[in-house]
Amino acid sequence: MKLFTEHPQKVGETYSEHFVMASSFGFPMILAGIACVLHGLLPFLFEKTGSNTVRKLHFRMVSNRADLIKSENPSYQPEWCI
């Protein structure tokens, strides 16, 4: 059971919350990946879709999320900072 709960606890989430959050990143990444492949074939399509998706997801994952968690728990250190 520890395999399923250890990481979510480290980021301040339950298993279910972590699943929803990870999925909310994974599906846009898949769609952006498809858009990038199509852009490679047809350069006039999806010119900014990949970079815009990465920018939005980075903000949610790193900037915004760390600030939110830190406001709830001032001693929190994200894994990527350790």
C-alpha atoms as a PDB file:
ATOM      1  CA  MET A   1       0.000   0.000   0.000  1.00  0.00           C
ATOM      2  CA  LYS A   2       2.921   2.331   0.715  1.00  0.00           C
ATOM      3  CA  LEU A   3       3.823   2.302  -2.996  1.00  0.00           C
ATOM      4  CA  PHE A   4       0.479   3.969  -3.742  1.00  0.00           C
ATOM      5  CA  THR A   5       0.443   6.510  -0.909  1.00  0.00           C
ATOM      6  CA  GLU A   6       4.030   7.603  -0.232  1.00  0.00           C
ATOM      7  CA  HIS A   7       4.463  10.011  -3.147  1.00  0.00           C
ATOM      8  CA  PRO A   8       0.965  11.551  -2.930  1.00  0.00           C
ATOM      9  CA  GLN A   9       1.583  12.258   0.764  1.00  0.00           C
ATOM     10  CA  LYS A  10       4.889  13.944  -0.099  1.00  0.00           C
ATOM     11  CA  VAL A  11       3.034  16.414  -2.318  1.00  0.00           C
ATOM     12  CA  GLY A  12       0.206  16.947   0.170  1.00  0.00           C
ATOM     13  CA  GLU A  13      -2.461  14.872  -1.582  1.00  0.00           C
ATOM     14  CA  THR A  14      -4.459  11.718  -1.064  1.00  0.00           C
ATOM     15  CA  TYR A  15      -4.152   8.940  -3.638  1.00  0.00           C
ATOM     16  CA  SER A  16      -7.444   9.996  -5.276  1.00  0.00           C
ATOM     17  CA  GLU A  17      -6.482  13.679  -5.332  1.00  0.00           C
ATOM     18  CA  HIS A  18      -3.130  12.769  -6.843  1.00  0.00           C
ATOM     19  CA  PHE A  19      -4.775  10.637  -9.529  1.00  0.00           C
ATOM     20  CA  VAL A  20      -7.076  13.508 -10.535  1.00  0.00           C
ATOM     21  CA  MET A  21      -4.209  16.029 -10.503  1.00  0.00           C
ATOM     22  CA  ALA A  22      -1.857  13.782 -12.488  1.00  0.00           C
ATOM     23  CA  SER A  23      -4.594  13.078 -15.018  1.00  0.00           C
ATOM     24  CA  SER A  24      -5.274  16.793 -15.375  1.00  0.00           C
ATOM     25  CA  PHE A  25      -1.652  17.116 -16.508  1.00  0.00           C
ATOM     26  CA  GLY A  26      -1.423  13.901 -18.495  1.00  0.00           C
ATOM     27  CA  PHE A  27      -4.367  14.384 -20.832  1.00  0.00           C
ATOM     28  CA  PRO A  28      -3.355  17.904 -21.959  1.00  0.00           C
ATOM     29  CA  MET A  29       0.197  16.602 -22.481  1.00  0.00           C
ATOM     30  CA  ILE A  30      -1.097  13.807 -24.711  1.00  0.00           C
ATOM     31  CA  LEU A  31      -3.221  16.228 -26.738  1.00  0.00           C
ATOM     32  CA  ALA A  32      -0.346  18.710 -27.023  1.00  0.00           C
ATOM     33  CA  GLY A  33       1.934  15.876 -28.134  1.00  0.00           C
ATOM     34  CA  ILE A  34      -0.488  14.951 -30.898  1.00  0.00           C
ATOM     35  CA  ALA A  35      -0.688  18.620 -31.888  1.00  0.00           C
ATOM     36  CA  CYS A  36       3.131  18.776 -32.037  1.00  0.00           C
ATOM     37  CA  VAL A  37       3.305  15.736 -34.305  1.00  0.00           C
ATOM     38  CA  LEU A  38       0.655  17.240 -36.578  1.00  0.00           C
ATOM     39  CA  HIS A  39       2.545  20.540 -36.521  1.00  0.00           C
ATOM     40  CA  GLY A  40       5.668  18.692 -37.644  1.00  0.00           C
ATOM     41  CA  LEU A  41       3.781  17.302 -40.618  1.00  0.00           C
ATOM     42  CA  LEU A  42       1.766  20.442 -41.346  1.00  0.00           C
ATOM     43  CA  PRO A  43       3.742  23.425 -39.984  1.00  0.00           C
ATOM     44  CA  PHE A  44       0.859  25.848 -40.433  1.00  0.00           C
ATOM     45  CA  LEU A  45      -1.225  23.969 -37.813  1.00  0.00           C
ATOM     46  CA  PHE A  46      -0.897  24.232 -34.018  1.00  0.00           C
ATOM     47  CA  GLU A  47       2.006  26.697 -34.173  1.00  0.00           C
ATOM     48  CA  LYS A  48       1.890  27.538 -30.461  1.00  0.00           C
ATOM     49  CA  THR A  49      -0.115  24.693 -28.960  1.00  0.00           C
ATOM     50  CA  GLY A  50       2.859  22.759 -27.563  1.00  0.00           C
ATOM     51  CA  SER A  51       4.651  25.730 -26.030  1.00  0.00           C
ATOM     52  CA  ASN A  52       1.417  27.211 -24.640  1.00  0.00           C
ATOM     53  CA  THR A  53       0.502  23.891 -23.042  1.00  0.00           C
ATOM     54  CA  VAL A  54       3.959  23.495 -21.482  1.00  0.00           C
ATOM     55  CA  ARG A  55       3.823  27.067 -20.157  1.00  0.00           C
ATOM     56  CA  LYS A  56       0.379  26.577 -18.572  1.00  0.00           C
ATOM     57  CA  LEU A  57       1.231  23.210 -17.072  1.00  0.00           C
ATOM     58  CA  HIS A  58       4.538  24.489 -15.700  1.00  0.00           C
ATOM     59  CA  PHE A  59       2.749  27.354 -13.994  1.00  0.00           C
ATOM     60  CA  ARG A  60       0.216  24.971 -12.449  1.00  0.00           C
ATOM     61  CA  MET A  61       2.787  22.365 -11.423  1.00  0.00           C
ATOM     62  CA  VAL A  62       5.669  24.457 -10.190  1.00  0.00           C
ATOM     63  CA  SER A  63       4.866  28.096  -9.570  1.00  0.00           C
ATOM     64  CA  ASN A  64       1.237  28.093  -8.528  1.00  0.00           C
ATOM     65  CA  ARG A  65       1.187  24.732  -6.750  1.00  0.00           C
ATOM     66  CA  ALA A  66       4.293  25.373  -4.660  1.00  0.00           C
ATOM     67  CA  ASP A  67       2.905  28.739  -3.549  1.00  0.00           C
ATOM     68  CA  LEU A  68      -0.430  27.185  -2.604  1.00  0.00           C
ATOM     69  CA  ILE A  69       1.102  24.327  -0.623  1.00  0.00           C
ATOM     70  CA  LYS A  70       3.624  26.635   1.047  1.00  0.00           C
ATOM     71  CA  SER A  71       0.812  28.962   2.195  1.00  0.00           C
ATOM     72  CA  GLU A  72      -0.850  25.968   3.875  1.00  0.00           C
ATOM     73  CA  ASN A  73       2.394  24.536   5.261  1.00  0.00           C
ATOM     74  CA  PRO A  74       5.250  27.087   5.587  1.00  0.00           C
ATOM     75  CA  SER A  75       7.883  24.374   6.165  1.00  0.00           C
ATOM     76  CA  TYR A  76       6.978  22.531   2.926  1.00  0.00           C
ATOM     77  CA  GLN A  77       9.876  21.833   0.529  1.00  0.00           C
ATOM     78  CA  PRO A  78       8.831  20.410  -2.864  1.00  0.00           C
ATOM     79  CA  GLU A  79      10.760  17.309  -3.966  1.00  0.00           C
ATOM     80  CA  TRP A  80      12.275  19.194  -6.892  1.00  0.00           C
ATOM     81  CA  CYS A  81      13.875  21.656  -4.438  1.00  0.00           C
ATOM     82  CA  ILE A  82      15.578  18.968  -2.361  1.00  0.00           C
END
